[in-house]
Amino acid sequence: MHIITKKRLEEFAKIHPDCRNPLETWYRIVKNNNFRSFAELRSHFPDVDKVGRFIVFNIGGNKARLIASIHFNRQKLYIRHVLTHKEYDKGKWKE
């Protein structure tokens, strides 16, 4: 799957170095798979959720949330936000 853009992961990891390894693991798994549906994605990421039009991943044992938009038919994942759990709970990312 093509991930747009890895830069958001790197920026978040600079501020939150404890999330660097979990983010790299997430990136490798998504990059090296061709998920065709949400169900298939969930087989690799059991905690993934759909929230409105977004897909929300728990990263590093709930240390962070990665919010993405996925087009399974085009094999593209757009990273919209990478947030701490506290930032996620504020809900501003939904706007």
PDB file of N, CA and C in Angstrom:
ATOM      1  N   MET A   1       0.850  -1.176   0.000  1.00  0.00           N
ATOM      2  CA  MET A   1       0.000   0.000   0.000  1.00  0.00           C
ATOM      3  C   MET A   1       0.894   1.236   0.000  1.00  0.00           C
ATOM      4  N   HIS A   2       0.504   2.224  -0.752  1.00  0.00           N
ATOM      5  CA  HIS A   2       1.258   3.479  -0.828  1.00  0.00           C
ATOM      6  C   HIS A   2       0.794   4.406   0.295  1.00  0.00           C
ATOM      7  N   ILE A   3       1.751   4.881   1.101  1.00  0.00           N
ATOM      8  CA  ILE A   3       1.446   5.726   2.256  1.00  0.00           C
ATOM      9  C   ILE A   3       1.858   7.161   1.968  1.00  0.00           C
ATOM     10  N   ILE A   4       0.920   8.065   2.171  1.00  0.00           N
ATOM     11  CA  ILE A   4       1.156   9.494   1.942  1.00  0.00           C
ATOM     12  C   ILE A   4       0.850  10.210   3.254  1.00  0.00           C
ATOM     13  N   THR A   5       1.696  10.762   3.917  1.00  0.00           N
ATOM     14  CA  THR A   5       3.100  10.951   3.770  1.00  0.00           C
ATOM     15  C   THR A   5       3.821  10.485   5.033  1.00  0.00           C
ATOM     16  N   LYS A   6       4.964   9.889   4.854  1.00  0.00           N
ATOM     17  CA  LYS A   6       5.743   9.382   5.985  1.00  0.00           C
ATOM     18  C   LYS A   6       6.278  10.526   6.846  1.00  0.00           C
ATOM     19  N   LYS A   7       6.354  11.700   6.271  1.00  0.00           N
ATOM     20  CA  LYS A   7       6.876  12.867   6.981  1.00  0.00           C
ATOM     21  C   LYS A   7       6.117  13.125   8.290  1.00  0.00           C
ATOM     22  N   ARG A   8       4.819  12.895   8.297  1.00  0.00           N
ATOM     23  CA  ARG A   8       4.031  13.109   9.527  1.00  0.00           C
ATOM     24  C   ARG A   8       4.465  12.160  10.634  1.00  0.00           C
ATOM     25  N   LEU A   9       4.828  10.946  10.256  1.00  0.00           N
ATOM     26  CA  LEU A   9       5.311   9.981  11.249  1.00  0.00           C
ATOM     27  C   LEU A   9       6.636  10.439  11.842  1.00  0.00           C
ATOM     28  N   GLU A  10       7.522  10.908  10.964  1.00  0.00           N
ATOM     29  CA  GLU A  10       8.839  11.365  11.406  1.00  0.00           C
ATOM     30  C   GLU A  10       8.736  12.589  12.308  1.00  0.00           C
ATOM     31  N   GLU A  11       7.852  13.517  11.962  1.00  0.00           N
ATOM     32  CA  GLU A  11       7.662  14.718  12.779  1.00  0.00           C
ATOM     33  C   GLU A  11       7.135  14.362  14.166  1.00  0.00           C
ATOM     34  N   PHE A  12       6.180  13.448  14.217  1.00  0.00           N
ATOM     35  CA  PHE A  12       5.618  13.029  15.503  1.00  0.00           C
ATOM     36  C   PHE A  12       6.667  12.310  16.339  1.00  0.00           C
ATOM     37  N   ALA A  13       7.462  11.454  15.698  1.00  0.00           N
ATOM     38  CA  ALA A  13       8.495  10.685  16.408  1.00  0.00           C
ATOM     39  C   ALA A  13       9.587  11.586  16.982  1.00  0.00           C
ATOM     40  N   LYS A  14       9.859  12.708  16.355  1.00  0.00           N
ATOM     41  CA  LYS A  14      10.844  13.650  16.897  1.00  0.00           C
ATOM     42  C   LYS A  14      10.381  14.209  18.234  1.00  0.00           C
ATOM     43  N   ILE A  15       9.095  14.491  18.330  1.00  0.00           N
ATOM     44  CA  ILE A  15       8.524  15.058  19.558  1.00  0.00           C
ATOM     45  C   ILE A  15       8.251  13.974  20.596  1.00  0.00           C
ATOM     46  N   HIS A  16       7.896  12.771  20.117  1.00  0.00           N
ATOM     47  CA  HIS A  16       7.537  11.642  20.986  1.00  0.00           C
ATOM     48  C   HIS A  16       8.399  10.435  20.626  1.00  0.00           C
ATOM     49  N   PRO A  17       9.680  10.440  21.034  1.00  0.00           N
ATOM     50  CA  PRO A  17      10.591   9.365  20.628  1.00  0.00           C
ATOM     51  C   PRO A  17      10.164   7.967  21.086  1.00  0.00           C
ATOM     52  N   ASP A  18       9.358   7.881  22.139  1.00  0.00           N
ATOM     53  CA  ASP A  18       8.893   6.569  22.600  1.00  0.00           C
ATOM     54  C   ASP A  18       7.944   5.911  21.595  1.00  0.00           C
ATOM     55  N   CYS A  19       7.456   6.683  20.633  1.00  0.00           N
ATOM     56  CA  CYS A  19       6.560   6.151  19.596  1.00  0.00           C
ATOM     57  C   CYS A  19       7.285   5.809  18.302  1.00  0.00           C
ATOM     58  N   ARG A  20       8.569   6.109  18.228  1.00  0.00           N
ATOM     59  CA  ARG A  20       9.304   5.879  16.981  1.00  0.00           C
ATOM     60  C   ARG A  20       9.226   4.416  16.523  1.00  0.00           C
ATOM     61  N   ASN A  21       9.559   3.475  17.375  1.00  0.00           N
ATOM     62  CA  ASN A  21       9.551   2.060  16.978  1.00  0.00           C
ATOM     63  C   ASN A  21       8.155   1.558  16.610  1.00  0.00           C
ATOM     64  N   PRO A  22       7.133   1.861  17.423  1.00  0.00           N
ATOM     65  CA  PRO A  22       5.790   1.419  17.018  1.00  0.00           C
ATOM     66  C   PRO A  22       5.333   2.029  15.684  1.00  0.00           C
ATOM     67  N   LEU A  23       5.702   3.286  15.432  1.00  0.00           N
ATOM     68  CA  LEU A  23       5.338   3.917  14.161  1.00  0.00           C
ATOM     69  C   LEU A  23       6.078   3.264  12.996  1.00  0.00           C
ATOM     70  N   GLU A  24       7.343   2.930  13.198  1.00  0.00           N
ATOM     71  CA  GLU A  24       8.109   2.258  12.145  1.00  0.00           C
ATOM     72  C   GLU A  24       7.540   0.868  11.860  1.00  0.00           C
ATOM     73  N   THR A  25       7.140   0.177  12.908  1.00  0.00           N
ATOM     74  CA  THR A  25       6.532  -1.147  12.734  1.00  0.00           C
ATOM     75  C   THR A  25       5.222  -1.026  11.960  1.00  0.00           C
ATOM     76  N   TRP A  26       4.380  -0.070  12.350  1.00  0.00           N
ATOM     77  CA  TRP A  26       3.121   0.162  11.649  1.00  0.00           C
ATOM     78  C   TRP A  26       3.387   0.458  10.169  1.00  0.00           C
ATOM     79  N   TYR A  27       4.344   1.332   9.902  1.00  0.00           N
ATOM     80  CA  TYR A  27       4.671   1.730   8.530  1.00  0.00           C
ATOM     81  C   TYR A  27       5.083   0.513   7.696  1.00  0.00           C
ATOM     82  N   ARG A  28       5.971  -0.313   8.242  1.00  0.00           N
ATOM     83  CA  ARG A  28       6.446  -1.498   7.502  1.00  0.00           C
ATOM     84  C   ARG A  28       5.290  -2.452   7.176  1.00  0.00           C
ATOM     85  N   ILE A  29       4.423  -2.681   8.155  1.00  0.00           N
ATOM     86  CA  ILE A  29       3.306  -3.605   7.929  1.00  0.00           C
ATOM     87  C   ILE A  29       2.386  -3.084   6.835  1.00  0.00           C
ATOM     88  N   VAL A  30       2.016  -1.809   6.929  1.00  0.00           N
ATOM     89  CA  VAL A  30       1.087  -1.249   5.931  1.00  0.00           C
ATOM     90  C   VAL A  30       1.742  -1.177   4.558  1.00  0.00           C
ATOM     91  N   LYS A  31       2.976  -0.724   4.516  1.00  0.00           N
ATOM     92  CA  LYS A  31       3.692  -0.566   3.241  1.00  0.00           C
ATOM     93  C   LYS A  31       3.843  -1.903   2.502  1.00  0.00           C
ATOM     94  N   ASN A  32       4.041  -2.975   3.252  1.00  0.00           N
ATOM     95  CA  ASN A  32       4.326  -4.274   2.643  1.00  0.00           C
ATOM     96  C   ASN A  32       3.099  -5.157   2.450  1.00  0.00           C
ATOM     97  N   ASN A  33       1.907  -4.584   2.607  1.00  0.00           N
ATOM     98  CA  ASN A  33       0.679  -5.352   2.410  1.00  0.00           C
ATOM     99  C   ASN A  33      -0.242  -4.632   1.438  1.00  0.00           C
ATOM    100  N   ASN A  34      -1.101  -5.392   0.833  1.00  0.00           N
ATOM    101  CA  ASN A  34      -2.112  -4.844  -0.075  1.00  0.00           C
ATOM    102  C   ASN A  34      -3.486  -5.138   0.509  1.00  0.00           C
ATOM    103  N   PHE A  35      -3.876  -4.356   1.488  1.00  0.00           N
ATOM    104  CA  PHE A  35      -5.178  -4.552   2.123  1.00  0.00           C
ATOM    105  C   PHE A  35      -6.284  -4.187   1.138  1.00  0.00           C
ATOM    106  N   ARG A  36      -7.239  -5.073   0.964  1.00  0.00           N
ATOM    107  CA  ARG A  36      -8.325  -4.866   0.000  1.00  0.00           C
ATOM    108  C   ARG A  36      -9.623  -4.399   0.657  1.00  0.00           C
ATOM    109  N   SER A  37      -9.665  -4.468   2.002  1.00  0.00           N
ATOM    110  CA  SER A  37     -10.892  -4.079   2.699  1.00  0.00           C
ATOM    111  C   SER A  37     -10.563  -3.750   4.155  1.00  0.00           C
ATOM    112  N   PHE A  38     -11.527  -3.132   4.820  1.00  0.00           N
ATOM    113  CA  PHE A  38     -11.358  -2.834   6.237  1.00  0.00           C
ATOM    114  C   PHE A  38     -11.228  -4.131   7.038  1.00  0.00           C
ATOM    115  N   ALA A  39     -11.995  -5.144   6.673  1.00  0.00           N
ATOM    116  CA  ALA A  39     -11.926  -6.438   7.364  1.00  0.00           C
ATOM    117  C   ALA A  39     -10.535  -7.046   7.268  1.00  0.00           C
ATOM    118  N   GLU A  40      -9.932  -6.948   6.101  1.00  0.00           N
ATOM    119  CA  GLU A  40      -8.576  -7.467   5.915  1.00  0.00           C
ATOM    120  C   GLU A  40      -7.572  -6.655   6.743  1.00  0.00           C
ATOM    121  N   LEU A  41      -7.752  -5.348   6.774  1.00  0.00           N
ATOM    122  CA  LEU A  41      -6.901  -4.481   7.592  1.00  0.00           C
ATOM    123  C   LEU A  41      -7.018  -4.863   9.063  1.00  0.00           C
ATOM    124  N   ARG A  42      -8.225  -5.120   9.494  1.00  0.00           N
ATOM    125  CA  ARG A  42      -8.471  -5.473  10.896  1.00  0.00           C
ATOM    126  C   ARG A  42      -7.836  -6.814  11.273  1.00  0.00           C
ATOM    127  N   SER A  43      -7.631  -7.684  10.303  1.00  0.00           N
ATOM    128  CA  SER A  43      -6.980  -8.963  10.609  1.00  0.00           C
ATOM    129  C   SER A  43      -5.528  -8.742  11.042  1.00  0.00           C
ATOM    130  N   HIS A  44      -4.897  -7.651  10.583  1.00  0.00           N
ATOM    131  CA  HIS A  44      -3.539  -7.311  10.995  1.00  0.00           C
ATOM    132  C   HIS A  44      -3.515  -6.347  12.178  1.00  0.00           C
ATOM    133  N   PHE A  45      -4.541  -5.510  12.277  1.00  0.00           N
ATOM    134  CA  PHE A  45      -4.632  -4.496  13.331  1.00  0.00           C
ATOM    135  C   PHE A  45      -5.993  -4.642  14.030  1.00  0.00           C
ATOM    136  N   PRO A  46      -6.111  -5.552  15.003  1.00  0.00           N
ATOM    137  CA  PRO A  46      -7.409  -5.819  15.643  1.00  0.00           C
ATOM    138  C   PRO A  46      -8.046  -4.601  16.326  1.00  0.00           C
ATOM    139  N   ASP A  47      -7.242  -3.618  16.733  1.00  0.00           N
ATOM    140  CA  ASP A  47      -7.775  -2.450  17.439  1.00  0.00           C
ATOM    141  C   ASP A  47      -8.154  -1.298  16.521  1.00  0.00           C
ATOM    142  N   VAL A  48      -7.992  -1.460  15.210  1.00  0.00           N
ATOM    143  CA  VAL A  48      -8.309  -0.376  14.277  1.00  0.00           C
ATOM    144  C   VAL A  48      -9.818  -0.118  14.295  1.00  0.00           C
ATOM    145  N   ASP A  49     -10.196   1.153  14.167  1.00  0.00           N
ATOM    146  CA  ASP A  49     -11.610   1.535  14.178  1.00  0.00           C
ATOM    147  C   ASP A  49     -11.925   2.460  13.022  1.00  0.00           C
ATOM    148  N   LYS A  50     -13.191   2.452  12.628  1.00  0.00           N
ATOM    149  CA  LYS A  50     -13.711   3.434  11.678  1.00  0.00           C
ATOM    150  C   LYS A  50     -14.404   4.509  12.500  1.00  0.00           C
ATOM    151  N   VAL A  51     -14.024   5.752  12.249  1.00  0.00           N
ATOM    152  CA  VAL A  51     -14.680   6.881  12.903  1.00  0.00           C
ATOM    153  C   VAL A  51     -15.067   7.849  11.793  1.00  0.00           C
ATOM    154  N   GLY A  52     -16.338   7.836  11.462  1.00  0.00           N
ATOM    155  CA  GLY A  52     -16.785   8.631  10.319  1.00  0.00           C
ATOM    156  C   GLY A  52     -16.133   8.122   9.055  1.00  0.00           C
ATOM    157  N   ARG A  53     -15.505   9.029   8.319  1.00  0.00           N
ATOM    158  CA  ARG A  53     -14.837   8.621   7.071  1.00  0.00           C
ATOM    159  C   ARG A  53     -13.371   8.249   7.281  1.00  0.00           C
ATOM    160  N   PHE A  54     -12.919   8.267   8.536  1.00  0.00           N
ATOM    161  CA  PHE A  54     -11.516   8.000   8.840  1.00  0.00           C
ATOM    162  C   PHE A  54     -11.310   6.624   9.461  1.00  0.00           C
ATOM    163  N   ILE A  55     -10.071   6.150   9.340  1.00  0.00           N
ATOM    164  CA  ILE A  55      -9.626   4.918   9.987  1.00  0.00           C
ATOM    165  C   ILE A  55      -8.657   5.347  11.086  1.00  0.00           C
ATOM    166  N   VAL A  56      -8.864   4.842  12.305  1.00  0.00           N
ATOM    167  CA  VAL A  56      -8.052   5.243  13.456  1.00  0.00           C
ATOM    168  C   VAL A  56      -7.284   4.031  13.975  1.00  0.00           C
ATOM    169  N   PHE A  57      -5.953   4.172  13.999  1.00  0.00           N
ATOM    170  CA  PHE A  57      -5.059   3.133  14.499  1.00  0.00           C
ATOM    171  C   PHE A  57      -4.551   3.524  15.880  1.00  0.00           C
ATOM    172  N   ASN A  58      -4.497   2.551  16.782  1.00  0.00           N
ATOM    173  CA  ASN A  58      -3.835   2.739  18.075  1.00  0.00           C
ATOM    174  C   ASN A  58      -2.368   2.386  17.878  1.00  0.00           C
ATOM    175  N   ILE A  59      -1.496   3.277  18.302  1.00  0.00           N
ATOM    176  CA  ILE A  59      -0.059   3.085  18.113  1.00  0.00           C
ATOM    177  C   ILE A  59       0.630   2.994  19.464  1.00  0.00           C
ATOM    178  N   GLY A  60       1.493   2.017  19.611  1.00  0.00           N
ATOM    179  CA  GLY A  60       2.314   1.904  20.820  1.00  0.00           C
ATOM    180  C   GLY A  60       1.516   1.678  22.083  1.00  0.00           C
ATOM    181  N   GLY A  61       0.560   0.768  22.038  1.00  0.00           N
ATOM    182  CA  GLY A  61      -0.221   0.490  23.236  1.00  0.00           C
ATOM    183  C   GLY A  61      -1.051   1.683  23.671  1.00  0.00           C
ATOM    184  N   ASN A  62      -1.641   2.356  22.706  1.00  0.00           N
ATOM    185  CA  ASN A  62      -2.512   3.504  22.944  1.00  0.00           C
ATOM    186  C   ASN A  62      -1.773   4.778  23.334  1.00  0.00           C
ATOM    187  N   LYS A  63      -0.468   4.834  23.078  1.00  0.00           N
ATOM    188  CA  LYS A  63       0.276   6.069  23.331  1.00  0.00           C
ATOM    189  C   LYS A  63      -0.089   7.133  22.307  1.00  0.00           C
ATOM    190  N   ALA A  64      -0.427   6.688  21.101  1.00  0.00           N
ATOM    191  CA  ALA A  64      -0.731   7.623  20.018  1.00  0.00           C
ATOM    192  C   ALA A  64      -1.865   7.070  19.173  1.00  0.00           C
ATOM    193  N   ARG A  65      -2.474   7.976  18.421  1.00  0.00           N
ATOM    194  CA  ARG A  65      -3.516   7.605  17.473  1.00  0.00           C
ATOM    195  C   ARG A  65      -3.106   8.118  16.102  1.00  0.00           C
ATOM    196  N   LEU A  66      -3.190   7.254  15.129  1.00  0.00           N
ATOM    197  CA  LEU A  66      -2.900   7.619  13.750  1.00  0.00           C
ATOM    198  C   LEU A  66      -4.226   7.621  13.002  1.00  0.00           C
ATOM    199  N   ILE A  67      -4.573   8.773  12.442  1.00  0.00           N
ATOM    200  CA  ILE A  67      -5.840   8.932  11.741  1.00  0.00           C
ATOM    201  C   ILE A  67      -5.541   8.997  10.251  1.00  0.00           C
ATOM    202  N   ALA A  68      -6.196   8.127   9.504  1.00  0.00           N
ATOM    203  CA  ALA A  68      -5.909   8.008   8.073  1.00  0.00           C
ATOM    204  C   ALA A  68      -7.186   7.919   7.269  1.00  0.00           C
ATOM    205  N   SER A  69      -7.025   8.222   6.007  1.00  0.00           N
ATOM    206  CA  SER A  69      -8.065   7.995   5.018  1.00  0.00           C
ATOM    207  C   SER A  69      -7.497   6.955   4.057  1.00  0.00           C
ATOM    208  N   ILE A  70      -8.247   5.889   3.840  1.00  0.00           N
ATOM    209  CA  ILE A  70      -7.732   4.795   3.007  1.00  0.00           C
ATOM    210  C   ILE A  70      -8.637   4.583   1.803  1.00  0.00           C
ATOM    211  N   HIS A  71      -8.010   4.481   0.652  1.00  0.00           N
ATOM    212  CA  HIS A  71      -8.693   4.122  -0.590  1.00  0.00           C
ATOM    213  C   HIS A  71      -8.196   2.730  -0.974  1.00  0.00           C
ATOM    214  N   PHE A  72      -8.921   1.717  -0.535  1.00  0.00           N
ATOM    215  CA  PHE A  72      -8.495   0.333  -0.750  1.00  0.00           C
ATOM    216  C   PHE A  72      -8.389   0.006  -2.243  1.00  0.00           C
ATOM    217  N   ASN A  73      -9.302   0.540  -3.042  1.00  0.00           N
ATOM    218  CA  ASN A  73      -9.289   0.232  -4.472  1.00  0.00           C
ATOM    219  C   ASN A  73      -8.056   0.789  -5.180  1.00  0.00           C
ATOM    220  N   ARG A  74      -7.507   1.893  -4.687  1.00  0.00           N
ATOM    221  CA  ARG A  74      -6.313   2.498  -5.288  1.00  0.00           C
ATOM    222  C   ARG A  74      -5.045   2.175  -4.503  1.00  0.00           C
ATOM    223  N   GLN A  75      -5.186   1.457  -3.389  1.00  0.00           N
ATOM    224  CA  GLN A  75      -4.046   1.081  -2.546  1.00  0.00           C
ATOM    225  C   GLN A  75      -3.287   2.321  -2.051  1.00  0.00           C
ATOM    226  N   LYS A  76      -4.037   3.312  -1.575  1.00  0.00           N
ATOM    227  CA  LYS A  76      -3.434   4.539  -1.047  1.00  0.00           C
ATOM    228  C   LYS A  76      -3.966   4.805   0.351  1.00  0.00           C
ATOM    229  N   LEU A  77      -3.041   5.140   1.247  1.00  0.00           N
ATOM    230  CA  LEU A  77      -3.388   5.527   2.605  1.00  0.00           C
ATOM    231  C   LEU A  77      -2.843   6.928   2.839  1.00  0.00           C
ATOM    232  N   TYR A  78      -3.721   7.835   3.203  1.00  0.00           N
ATOM    233  CA  TYR A  78      -3.344   9.219   3.473  1.00  0.00           C
ATOM    234  C   TYR A  78      -3.342   9.432   4.981  1.00  0.00           C
ATOM    235  N   ILE A  79      -2.178   9.753   5.542  1.00  0.00           N
ATOM    236  CA  ILE A  79      -2.092  10.042   6.970  1.00  0.00           C
ATOM    237  C   ILE A  79      -2.602  11.453   7.187  1.00  0.00           C
ATOM    238  N   ARG A  80      -3.676  11.574   7.943  1.00  0.00           N
ATOM    239  CA  ARG A  80      -4.268  12.889   8.219  1.00  0.00           C
ATOM    240  C   ARG A  80      -3.684  13.500   9.484  1.00  0.00           C
ATOM    241  N   HIS A  81      -3.554  12.678  10.525  1.00  0.00           N
ATOM    242  CA  HIS A  81      -3.043  13.170  11.809  1.00  0.00           C
ATOM    243  C   HIS A  81      -2.341  12.037  12.542  1.00  0.00           C
ATOM    244  N   VAL A  82      -1.347  12.413  13.319  1.00  0.00           N
ATOM    245  CA  VAL A  82      -0.765  11.517  14.317  1.00  0.00           C
ATOM    246  C   VAL A  82      -0.820  12.319  15.606  1.00  0.00           C
ATOM    247  N   LEU A  83      -1.553  11.804  16.587  1.00  0.00           N
ATOM    248  CA  LEU A  83      -1.832  12.560  17.805  1.00  0.00           C
ATOM    249  C   LEU A  83      -1.565  11.721  19.046  1.00  0.00           C
ATOM    250  N   THR A  84      -1.283  12.407  20.135  1.00  0.00           N
ATOM    251  CA  THR A  84      -1.247  11.706  21.409  1.00  0.00           C
ATOM    252  C   THR A  84      -2.690  11.330  21.750  1.00  0.00           C
ATOM    253  N   HIS A  85      -2.831  10.436  22.687  1.00  0.00           N
ATOM    254  CA  HIS A  85      -4.179  10.031  23.089  1.00  0.00           C
ATOM    255  C   HIS A  85      -4.955  11.244  23.617  1.00  0.00           C
ATOM    256  N   LYS A  86      -4.285  12.096  24.357  1.00  0.00           N
ATOM    257  CA  LYS A  86      -4.924  13.289  24.927  1.00  0.00           C
ATOM    258  C   LYS A  86      -5.394  14.242  23.822  1.00  0.00           C
ATOM    259  N   GLU A  87      -4.557  14.465  22.802  1.00  0.00           N
ATOM    260  CA  GLU A  87      -4.930  15.323  21.679  1.00  0.00           C
ATOM    261  C   GLU A  87      -6.116  14.731  20.912  1.00  0.00           C
ATOM    262  N   TYR A  88      -6.082  13.416  20.737  1.00  0.00           N
ATOM    263  CA  TYR A  88      -7.161  12.723  20.033  1.00  0.00           C
ATOM    264  C   TYR A  88      -8.487  12.918  20.748  1.00  0.00           C
ATOM    265  N   ASP A  89      -8.471  12.779  22.073  1.00  0.00           N
ATOM    266  CA  ASP A  89      -9.692  12.877  22.864  1.00  0.00           C
ATOM    267  C   ASP A  89     -10.337  14.257  22.787  1.00  0.00           C
ATOM    268  N   LYS A  90      -9.561  15.284  22.476  1.00  0.00           N
ATOM    269  CA  LYS A  90     -10.132  16.631  22.341  1.00  0.00           C
ATOM    270  C   LYS A  90     -11.049  16.725  21.127  1.00  0.00           C
ATOM    271  N   GLY A  91     -10.821  15.885  20.127  1.00  0.00           N
ATOM    272  CA  GLY A  91     -11.713  15.779  18.974  1.00  0.00           C
ATOM    273  C   GLY A  91     -11.568  16.831  17.899  1.00  0.00           C
ATOM    274  N   LYS A  92     -10.575  17.719  18.000  1.00  0.00           N
ATOM    275  CA  LYS A  92     -10.414  18.770  16.978  1.00  0.00           C
ATOM    276  C   LYS A  92     -10.103  18.187  15.601  1.00  0.00           C
ATOM    277  N   TRP A  93      -9.547  16.984  15.543  1.00  0.00           N
ATOM    278  CA  TRP A  93      -9.193  16.359  14.265  1.00  0.00           C
ATOM    279  C   TRP A  93     -10.430  16.028  13.431  1.00  0.00           C
ATOM    280  N   LYS A  94     -11.604  15.983  14.046  1.00  0.00           N
ATOM    281  CA  LYS A  94     -12.840  15.651  13.333  1.00  0.00           C
ATOM    282  C   LYS A  94     -13.352  16.824  12.497  1.00  0.00           C
ATOM    283  N   GLU A  95     -12.856  18.022  12.767  1.00  0.00           N
ATOM    284  CA  GLU A  95     -13.347  19.231  12.085  1.00  0.00           C
ATOM    285  C   GLU A  95     -12.879  19.312  10.647  1.00  0.00           C
TER     286      GLU A  95
END
